[in-house]
PDB file of N, CA and C in Angstrom:
ATOM      1  N   MET A   1     -24.675  71.158  39.385  1.00  0.00           N
ATOM      2  CA  MET A   1     -23.602  70.286  39.788  1.00  0.00           C
ATOM      3  C   MET A   1     -22.774  69.950  38.566  1.00  0.00           C
ATOM      4  N   LYS A   2     -21.514  69.665  38.806  1.00  0.00           N
ATOM      5  CA  LYS A   2     -20.638  69.226  37.731  1.00  0.00           C
ATOM      6  C   LYS A   2     -19.421  68.555  38.330  1.00  0.00           C
ATOM      7  N   LEU A   3     -18.630  67.929  37.485  1.00  0.00           N
ATOM      8  CA  LEU A   3     -17.431  67.247  37.941  1.00  0.00           C
ATOM      9  C   LEU A   3     -16.422  68.250  38.483  1.00  0.00           C
ATOM     10  N   LYS A   4     -15.752  67.909  39.582  1.00  0.00           N
ATOM     11  CA  LYS A   4     -14.730  68.760  40.183  1.00  0.00           C
ATOM     12  C   LYS A   4     -13.427  68.722  39.403  1.00  0.00           C
ATOM     13  N   TYR A   5     -13.176  67.638  38.710  1.00  0.00           N
ATOM     14  CA  TYR A   5     -11.896  67.416  38.047  1.00  0.00           C
ATOM     15  C   TYR A   5     -12.100  67.195  36.552  1.00  0.00           C
ATOM     16  N   ASN A   6     -11.035  67.397  35.813  1.00  0.00           N
ATOM     17  CA  ASN A   6     -11.051  67.109  34.379  1.00  0.00           C
ATOM     18  C   ASN A   6     -10.707  65.638  34.189  1.00  0.00           C
ATOM     19  N   PHE A   7     -11.590  64.927  33.518  1.00  0.00           N
ATOM     20  CA  PHE A   7     -11.406  63.501  33.278  1.00  0.00           C
ATOM     21  C   PHE A   7     -11.411  63.204  31.793  1.00  0.00           C
ATOM     22  N   VAL A   8     -10.726  62.133  31.441  1.00  0.00           N
ATOM     23  CA  VAL A   8     -10.802  61.547  30.112  1.00  0.00           C
ATOM     24  C   VAL A   8     -11.389  60.158  30.306  1.00  0.00           C
ATOM     25  N   ILE A   9     -12.329  59.787  29.439  1.00  0.00           N
ATOM     26  CA  ILE A   9     -12.957  58.471  29.526  1.00  0.00           C
ATOM     27  C   ILE A   9     -12.446  57.598  28.391  1.00  0.00           C
ATOM     28  N   ASN A  10     -12.008  56.394  28.746  1.00  0.00           N
ATOM     29  CA  ASN A  10     -11.505  55.428  27.761  1.00  0.00           C
ATOM     30  C   ASN A  10     -12.094  54.059  28.052  1.00  0.00           C
ATOM     31  N   ALA A  11     -12.156  53.236  27.022  1.00  0.00           N
ATOM     32  CA  ALA A  11     -12.571  51.842  27.190  1.00  0.00           C
ATOM     33  C   ALA A  11     -11.337  51.013  27.532  1.00  0.00           C
ATOM     34  N   VAL A  12     -11.450  50.233  28.617  1.00  0.00           N
ATOM     35  CA  VAL A  12     -10.360  49.357  29.045  1.00  0.00           C
ATOM     36  C   VAL A  12     -10.973  48.024  29.454  1.00  0.00           C
ATOM     37  N   ALA A  13     -10.597  46.963  28.766  1.00  0.00           N
ATOM     38  CA  ALA A  13     -11.061  45.613  29.094  1.00  0.00           C
ATOM     39  C   ALA A  13     -12.574  45.552  29.278  1.00  0.00           C
ATOM     40  N   ASP A  14     -13.318  46.005  28.281  1.00  0.00           N
ATOM     41  CA  ASP A  14     -14.786  45.964  28.275  1.00  0.00           C
ATOM     42  C   ASP A  14     -15.447  46.843  29.324  1.00  0.00           C
ATOM     43  N   LYS A  15     -14.722  47.742  29.940  1.00  0.00           N
ATOM     44  CA  LYS A  15     -15.271  48.699  30.910  1.00  0.00           C
ATOM     45  C   LYS A  15     -14.872  50.096  30.473  1.00  0.00           C
ATOM     46  N   MET A  16     -15.656  51.063  30.892  1.00  0.00           N
ATOM     47  CA  MET A  16     -15.300  52.451  30.673  1.00  0.00           C
ATOM     48  C   MET A  16     -14.588  52.937  31.934  1.00  0.00           C
ATOM     49  N   VAL A  17     -13.505  53.675  31.736  1.00  0.00           N
ATOM     50  CA  VAL A  17     -12.707  54.164  32.853  1.00  0.00           C
ATOM     51  C   VAL A  17     -12.490  55.660  32.680  1.00  0.00           C
ATOM     52  N   ALA A  18     -12.766  56.417  33.743  1.00  0.00           N
ATOM     53  CA  ALA A  18     -12.501  57.851  33.747  1.00  0.00           C
ATOM     54  C   ALA A  18     -11.234  58.089  34.564  1.00  0.00           C
ATOM     55  N   VAL A  19     -10.283  58.795  33.956  1.00  0.00           N
ATOM     56  CA  VAL A  19      -9.011  59.089  34.606  1.00  0.00           C
ATOM     57  C   VAL A  19      -8.846  60.603  34.635  1.00  0.00           C
ATOM     58  N   ALA A  20      -8.494  61.125  35.798  1.00  0.00           N
ATOM     59  CA  ALA A  20      -8.237  62.559  35.907  1.00  0.00           C
ATOM     60  C   ALA A  20      -6.983  62.895  35.110  1.00  0.00           C
ATOM     61  N   VAL A  21      -6.956  64.085  34.512  1.00  0.00           N
ATOM     62  CA  VAL A  21      -5.827  64.493  33.679  1.00  0.00           C
ATOM     63  C   VAL A  21      -5.260  65.823  34.159  1.00  0.00           C
ATOM     64  N   GLY A  22      -4.042  66.087  33.736  1.00  0.00           N
ATOM     65  CA  GLY A  22      -3.381  67.341  34.086  1.00  0.00           C
ATOM     66  C   GLY A  22      -3.142  67.440  35.584  1.00  0.00           C
ATOM     67  N   ASP A  23      -3.281  68.641  36.115  1.00  0.00           N
ATOM     68  CA  ASP A  23      -3.100  68.876  37.551  1.00  0.00           C
ATOM     69  C   ASP A  23      -4.099  68.087  38.385  1.00  0.00           C
ATOM     70  N   ASP A  24      -5.244  67.780  37.787  1.00  0.00           N
ATOM     71  CA  ASP A  24      -6.277  67.044  38.515  1.00  0.00           C
ATOM     72  C   ASP A  24      -5.887  65.588  38.783  1.00  0.00           C
ATOM     73  N   LEU A  25      -4.916  65.075  38.034  1.00  0.00           N
ATOM     74  CA  LEU A  25      -4.451  63.714  38.264  1.00  0.00           C
ATOM     75  C   LEU A  25      -3.909  63.575  39.686  1.00  0.00           C
ATOM     76  N   ASN A  26      -3.127  64.543  40.127  1.00  0.00           N
ATOM     77  CA  ASN A  26      -2.587  64.510  41.493  1.00  0.00           C
ATOM     78  C   ASN A  26      -3.666  64.806  42.523  1.00  0.00           C
ATOM     79  N   ALA A  27      -4.583  65.694  42.195  1.00  0.00           N
ATOM     80  CA  ALA A  27      -5.642  66.065  43.142  1.00  0.00           C
ATOM     81  C   ALA A  27      -6.614  64.912  43.381  1.00  0.00           C
ATOM     82  N   PHE A  28      -6.978  64.197  42.326  1.00  0.00           N
ATOM     83  CA  PHE A  28      -7.919  63.083  42.467  1.00  0.00           C
ATOM     84  C   PHE A  28      -7.192  61.786  42.797  1.00  0.00           C
ATOM     85  N   GLY A  29      -6.135  61.503  42.069  1.00  0.00           N
ATOM     86  CA  GLY A  29      -5.293  60.362  42.371  1.00  0.00           C
ATOM     87  C   GLY A  29      -5.907  58.991  42.166  1.00  0.00           C
ATOM     88  N   GLY A  30      -6.726  58.833  41.165  1.00  0.00           N
ATOM     89  CA  GLY A  30      -7.313  57.520  40.933  1.00  0.00           C
ATOM     90  C   GLY A  30      -8.070  57.486  39.625  1.00  0.00           C
ATOM     91  N   PHE A  31      -8.950  56.510  39.529  1.00  0.00           N
ATOM     92  CA  PHE A  31      -9.789  56.393  38.344  1.00  0.00           C
ATOM     93  C   PHE A  31     -11.148  55.865  38.773  1.00  0.00           C
ATOM     94  N   ILE A  32     -12.117  55.986  37.865  1.00  0.00           N
ATOM     95  CA  ILE A  32     -13.480  55.543  38.139  1.00  0.00           C
ATOM     96  C   ILE A  32     -13.889  54.568  37.045  1.00  0.00           C
ATOM     97  N   LYS A  33     -14.298  53.352  37.448  1.00  0.00           N
ATOM     98  CA  LYS A  33     -14.805  52.360  36.498  1.00  0.00           C
ATOM     99  C   LYS A  33     -16.313  52.514  36.397  1.00  0.00           C
ATOM    100  N   MET A  34     -16.826  52.335  35.176  1.00  0.00           N
ATOM    101  CA  MET A  34     -18.270  52.456  34.963  1.00  0.00           C
ATOM    102  C   MET A  34     -18.665  51.702  33.705  1.00  0.00           C
ATOM    103  N   ASN A  35     -19.963  51.527  33.528  1.00  0.00           N
ATOM    104  CA  ASN A  35     -20.450  50.928  32.291  1.00  0.00           C
ATOM    105  C   ASN A  35     -20.741  52.035  31.272  1.00  0.00           C
ATOM    106  N   ASP A  36     -21.274  51.656  30.118  1.00  0.00           N
ATOM    107  CA  ASP A  36     -21.537  52.633  29.054  1.00  0.00           C
ATOM    108  C   ASP A  36     -22.542  53.709  29.489  1.00  0.00           C
ATOM    109  N   ILE A  37     -23.556  53.304  30.234  1.00  0.00           N
ATOM    110  CA  ILE A  37     -24.562  54.264  30.699  1.00  0.00           C
ATOM    111  C   ILE A  37     -23.914  55.245  31.678  1.00  0.00           C
ATOM    112  N   GLY A  38     -23.090  54.739  32.572  1.00  0.00           N
ATOM    113  CA  GLY A  38     -22.366  55.608  33.495  1.00  0.00           C
ATOM    114  C   GLY A  38     -21.499  56.605  32.747  1.00  0.00           C
ATOM    115  N   ALA A  39     -20.865  56.151  31.677  1.00  0.00           N
ATOM    116  CA  ALA A  39     -20.027  57.041  30.874  1.00  0.00           C
ATOM    117  C   ALA A  39     -20.859  58.156  30.233  1.00  0.00           C
ATOM    118  N   GLU A  40     -22.074  57.831  29.805  1.00  0.00           N
ATOM    119  CA  GLU A  40     -22.951  58.864  29.231  1.00  0.00           C
ATOM    120  C   GLU A  40     -23.322  59.899  30.294  1.00  0.00           C
ATOM    121  N   ILE A  41     -23.661  59.430  31.479  1.00  0.00           N
ATOM    122  CA  ILE A  41     -23.999  60.345  32.575  1.00  0.00           C
ATOM    123  C   ILE A  41     -22.771  61.185  32.937  1.00  0.00           C
ATOM    124  N   PHE A  42     -21.618  60.544  32.996  1.00  0.00           N
ATOM    125  CA  PHE A  42     -20.368  61.223  33.323  1.00  0.00           C
ATOM    126  C   PHE A  42     -20.109  62.360  32.332  1.00  0.00           C
ATOM    127  N   GLU A  43     -20.326  62.101  31.040  1.00  0.00           N
ATOM    128  CA  GLU A  43     -20.144  63.135  30.009  1.00  0.00           C
ATOM    129  C   GLU A  43     -21.087  64.313  30.245  1.00  0.00           C
ATOM    130  N   ILE A  44     -22.331  64.023  30.616  1.00  0.00           N
ATOM    131  CA  ILE A  44     -23.298  65.087  30.904  1.00  0.00           C
ATOM    132  C   ILE A  44     -22.807  65.946  32.061  1.00  0.00           C
ATOM    133  N   LEU A  45     -22.193  65.303  33.057  1.00  0.00           N
ATOM    134  CA  LEU A  45     -21.755  66.014  34.255  1.00  0.00           C
ATOM    135  C   LEU A  45     -20.482  66.823  34.044  1.00  0.00           C
ATOM    136  N   LYS A  46     -19.918  66.774  32.858  1.00  0.00           N
ATOM    137  CA  LYS A  46     -18.785  67.663  32.552  1.00  0.00           C
ATOM    138  C   LYS A  46     -19.271  69.101  32.443  1.00  0.00           C
ATOM    139  N   ASN A  47     -20.574  69.273  32.263  1.00  0.00           N
ATOM    140  CA  ASN A  47     -21.198  70.598  32.217  1.00  0.00           C
ATOM    141  C   ASN A  47     -21.967  70.819  33.512  1.00  0.00           C
ATOM    142  N   ASP A  48     -22.212  72.052  33.838  1.00  0.00           N
ATOM    143  CA  ASP A  48     -22.956  72.385  35.052  1.00  0.00           C
ATOM    144  C   ASP A  48     -24.441  72.166  34.785  1.00  0.00           C
ATOM    145  N   VAL A  49     -24.999  71.097  35.347  1.00  0.00           N
ATOM    146  CA  VAL A  49     -26.399  70.744  35.151  1.00  0.00           C
ATOM    147  C   VAL A  49     -27.047  70.411  36.495  1.00  0.00           C
ATOM    148  N   THR A  50     -28.349  70.489  36.526  1.00  0.00           N
ATOM    149  CA  THR A  50     -29.077  70.024  37.704  1.00  0.00           C
ATOM    150  C   THR A  50     -29.329  68.528  37.536  1.00  0.00           C
ATOM    151  N   LEU A  51     -29.726  67.884  38.608  1.00  0.00           N
ATOM    152  CA  LEU A  51     -30.076  66.463  38.538  1.00  0.00           C
ATOM    153  C   LEU A  51     -31.221  66.269  37.549  1.00  0.00           C
ATOM    154  N   GLU A  52     -32.190  67.161  37.596  1.00  0.00           N
ATOM    155  CA  GLU A  52     -33.349  67.067  36.707  1.00  0.00           C
ATOM    156  C   GLU A  52     -32.935  67.197  35.241  1.00  0.00           C
ATOM    157  N   GLU A  53     -31.983  68.102  34.954  1.00  0.00           N
ATOM    158  CA  GLU A  53     -31.508  68.263  33.580  1.00  0.00           C
ATOM    159  C   GLU A  53     -30.767  67.012  33.110  1.00  0.00           C
ATOM    160  N   ALA A  54     -29.967  66.427  33.986  1.00  0.00           N
ATOM    161  CA  ALA A  54     -29.242  65.200  33.630  1.00  0.00           C
ATOM    162  C   ALA A  54     -30.219  64.071  33.332  1.00  0.00           C
ATOM    163  N   ILE A  55     -31.258  63.960  34.145  1.00  0.00           N
ATOM    164  CA  ILE A  55     -32.285  62.935  33.917  1.00  0.00           C
ATOM    165  C   ILE A  55     -32.975  63.164  32.576  1.00  0.00           C
ATOM    166  N   LYS A  56     -33.320  64.401  32.291  1.00  0.00           N
ATOM    167  CA  LYS A  56     -33.991  64.729  31.035  1.00  0.00           C
ATOM    168  C   LYS A  56     -33.109  64.382  29.834  1.00  0.00           C
ATOM    169  N   LEU A  57     -31.823  64.730  29.904  1.00  0.00           N
ATOM    170  CA  LEU A  57     -30.911  64.430  28.804  1.00  0.00           C
ATOM    171  C   LEU A  57     -30.756  62.923  28.597  1.00  0.00           C
ATOM    172  N   MET A  58     -30.680  62.172  29.686  1.00  0.00           N
ATOM    173  CA  MET A  58     -30.579  60.717  29.564  1.00  0.00           C
ATOM    174  C   MET A  58     -31.873  60.117  29.021  1.00  0.00           C
ATOM    175  N   LYS A  59     -32.999  60.658  29.411  1.00  0.00           N
ATOM    176  CA  LYS A  59     -34.282  60.176  28.892  1.00  0.00           C
ATOM    177  C   LYS A  59     -34.362  60.409  27.386  1.00  0.00           C
ATOM    178  N   GLU A  60     -33.840  61.555  26.924  1.00  0.00           N
ATOM    179  CA  GLU A  60     -33.830  61.838  25.491  1.00  0.00           C
ATOM    180  C   GLU A  60     -32.929  60.855  24.745  1.00  0.00           C
ATOM    181  N   LYS A  61     -31.813  60.454  25.362  1.00  0.00           N
ATOM    182  CA  LYS A  61     -30.894  59.498  24.729  1.00  0.00           C
ATOM    183  C   LYS A  61     -31.445  58.078  24.743  1.00  0.00           C
ATOM    184  N   HIS A  62     -32.317  57.796  25.706  1.00  0.00           N
ATOM    185  CA  HIS A  62     -32.842  56.435  25.872  1.00  0.00           C
ATOM    186  C   HIS A  62     -34.369  56.463  26.008  1.00  0.00           C
ATOM    187  N   PRO A  63     -35.066  56.792  24.915  1.00  0.00           N
ATOM    188  CA  PRO A  63     -36.531  56.892  24.987  1.00  0.00           C
ATOM    189  C   PRO A  63     -37.218  55.558  25.294  1.00  0.00           C
ATOM    190  N   GLU A  64     -36.507  54.449  25.087  1.00  0.00           N
ATOM    191  CA  GLU A  64     -37.085  53.146  25.373  1.00  0.00           C
ATOM    192  C   GLU A  64     -37.160  52.856  26.876  1.00  0.00           C
ATOM    193  N   ALA A  65     -36.405  53.591  27.670  1.00  0.00           N
ATOM    194  CA  ALA A  65     -36.396  53.396  29.126  1.00  0.00           C
ATOM    195  C   ALA A  65     -37.544  54.172  29.764  1.00  0.00           C
ATOM    196  N   THR A  66     -38.035  53.649  30.877  1.00  0.00           N
ATOM    197  CA  THR A  66     -39.097  54.355  31.586  1.00  0.00           C
ATOM    198  C   THR A  66     -38.504  55.517  32.361  1.00  0.00           C
ATOM    199  N   GLU A  67     -39.367  56.453  32.726  1.00  0.00           N
ATOM    200  CA  GLU A  67     -38.942  57.600  33.529  1.00  0.00           C
ATOM    201  C   GLU A  67     -38.314  57.129  34.840  1.00  0.00           C
ATOM    202  N   ALA A  68     -38.922  56.129  35.463  1.00  0.00           N
ATOM    203  CA  ALA A  68     -38.420  55.612  36.745  1.00  0.00           C
ATOM    204  C   ALA A  68     -37.040  54.980  36.582  1.00  0.00           C
ATOM    205  N   GLU A  69     -36.835  54.217  35.492  1.00  0.00           N
ATOM    206  CA  GLU A  69     -35.528  53.594  35.262  1.00  0.00           C
ATOM    207  C   GLU A  69     -34.440  54.644  35.092  1.00  0.00           C
ATOM    208  N   VAL A  70     -34.729  55.657  34.296  1.00  0.00           N
ATOM    209  CA  VAL A  70     -33.745  56.707  34.051  1.00  0.00           C
ATOM    210  C   VAL A  70     -33.467  57.481  35.337  1.00  0.00           C
ATOM    211  N   THR A  71     -34.511  57.835  36.048  1.00  0.00           N
ATOM    212  CA  THR A  71     -34.352  58.584  37.305  1.00  0.00           C
ATOM    213  C   THR A  71     -33.523  57.792  38.307  1.00  0.00           C
ATOM    214  N   ASP A  72     -33.848  56.523  38.481  1.00  0.00           N
ATOM    215  CA  ASP A  72     -33.104  55.680  39.424  1.00  0.00           C
ATOM    216  C   ASP A  72     -31.643  55.532  39.022  1.00  0.00           C
ATOM    217  N   THR A  73     -31.401  55.327  37.741  1.00  0.00           N
ATOM    218  CA  THR A  73     -30.034  55.129  37.251  1.00  0.00           C
ATOM    219  C   THR A  73     -29.199  56.389  37.431  1.00  0.00           C
ATOM    220  N   VAL A  74     -29.728  57.516  36.986  1.00  0.00           N
ATOM    221  CA  VAL A  74     -28.979  58.776  37.082  1.00  0.00           C
ATOM    222  C   VAL A  74     -28.769  59.155  38.543  1.00  0.00           C
ATOM    223  N   THR A  75     -29.813  59.084  39.337  1.00  0.00           N
ATOM    224  CA  THR A  75     -29.707  59.451  40.753  1.00  0.00           C
ATOM    225  C   THR A  75     -28.708  58.548  41.480  1.00  0.00           C
ATOM    226  N   GLY A  76     -28.770  57.263  41.221  1.00  0.00           N
ATOM    227  CA  GLY A  76     -27.846  56.332  41.865  1.00  0.00           C
ATOM    228  C   GLY A  76     -26.400  56.606  41.498  1.00  0.00           C
ATOM    229  N   PHE A  77     -26.147  56.863  40.215  1.00  0.00           N
ATOM    230  CA  PHE A  77     -24.777  57.132  39.769  1.00  0.00           C
ATOM    231  C   PHE A  77     -24.275  58.452  40.337  1.00  0.00           C
ATOM    232  N   VAL A  78     -25.122  59.475  40.318  1.00  0.00           N
ATOM    233  CA  VAL A  78     -24.737  60.774  40.882  1.00  0.00           C
ATOM    234  C   VAL A  78     -24.413  60.631  42.369  1.00  0.00           C
ATOM    235  N   ASN A  79     -25.195  59.861  43.086  1.00  0.00           N
ATOM    236  CA  ASN A  79     -24.927  59.651  44.515  1.00  0.00           C
ATOM    237  C   ASN A  79     -23.581  58.963  44.731  1.00  0.00           C
ATOM    238  N   GLN A  80     -23.246  58.002  43.871  1.00  0.00           N
ATOM    239  CA  GLN A  80     -21.940  57.348  43.982  1.00  0.00           C
ATOM    240  C   GLN A  80     -20.810  58.348  43.735  1.00  0.00           C
ATOM    241  N   LEU A  81     -20.998  59.232  42.756  1.00  0.00           N
ATOM    242  CA  LEU A  81     -19.979  60.232  42.472  1.00  0.00           C
ATOM    243  C   LEU A  81     -19.857  61.242  43.607  1.00  0.00           C
ATOM    244  N   LYS A  82     -20.976  61.557  44.250  1.00  0.00           N
ATOM    245  CA  LYS A  82     -20.923  62.442  45.416  1.00  0.00           C
ATOM    246  C   LYS A  82     -20.137  61.794  46.548  1.00  0.00           C
ATOM    247  N   GLU A  83     -20.364  60.497  46.773  1.00  0.00           N
ATOM    248  CA  GLU A  83     -19.636  59.773  47.810  1.00  0.00           C
ATOM    249  C   GLU A  83     -18.132  59.752  47.511  1.00  0.00           C
ATOM    250  N   ALA A  84     -17.778  59.711  46.242  1.00  0.00           N
ATOM    251  CA  ALA A  84     -16.368  59.731  45.829  1.00  0.00           C
ATOM    252  C   ALA A  84     -15.803  61.152  45.826  1.00  0.00           C
ATOM    253  N   ASP A  85     -16.648  62.134  46.111  1.00  0.00           N
ATOM    254  CA  ASP A  85     -16.276  63.553  46.191  1.00  0.00           C
ATOM    255  C   ASP A  85     -15.693  64.075  44.867  1.00  0.00           C
ATOM    256  N   VAL A  86     -16.378  63.753  43.768  1.00  0.00           N
ATOM    257  CA  VAL A  86     -15.930  64.253  42.467  1.00  0.00           C
ATOM    258  C   VAL A  86     -16.938  65.198  41.816  1.00  0.00           C
ATOM    259  N   ILE A  87     -18.001  65.565  42.553  1.00  0.00           N
ATOM    260  CA  ILE A  87     -19.013  66.481  42.016  1.00  0.00           C
ATOM    261  C   ILE A  87     -19.112  67.725  42.897  1.00  0.00           C
ATOM    262  N   THR A  88     -19.189  68.869  42.252  1.00  0.00           N
ATOM    263  CA  THR A  88     -19.482  70.116  42.963  1.00  0.00           C
ATOM    264  C   THR A  88     -20.957  70.397  42.812  1.00  0.00           C
ATOM    265  N   GLU A  89     -21.531  71.022  43.799  1.00  0.00           N
ATOM    266  CA  GLU A  89     -22.956  71.355  43.700  1.00  0.00           C
ATOM    267  C   GLU A  89     -23.152  72.845  43.661  1.00  0.00           C
TER     268      GLU A  89
END
């Protein structure tokens, strides 16, 4: 799975915001607000990865978190992105 559109992530008013760029700006027509952890997951999803690979990469970035915390966080965020129709599988 990976992002369907090209996004740029910027910090705006203490939040991270992903905005589609180029031709994808018209295709997506909006932006996505997220926290810092969401932005890290979003960056991972710029590449074609499986859910398991995304979880593994996040676990490596956050060794202090439990496996369950990382799995729940990544899975929940990915599901939100699927609902927004911004991920290809």
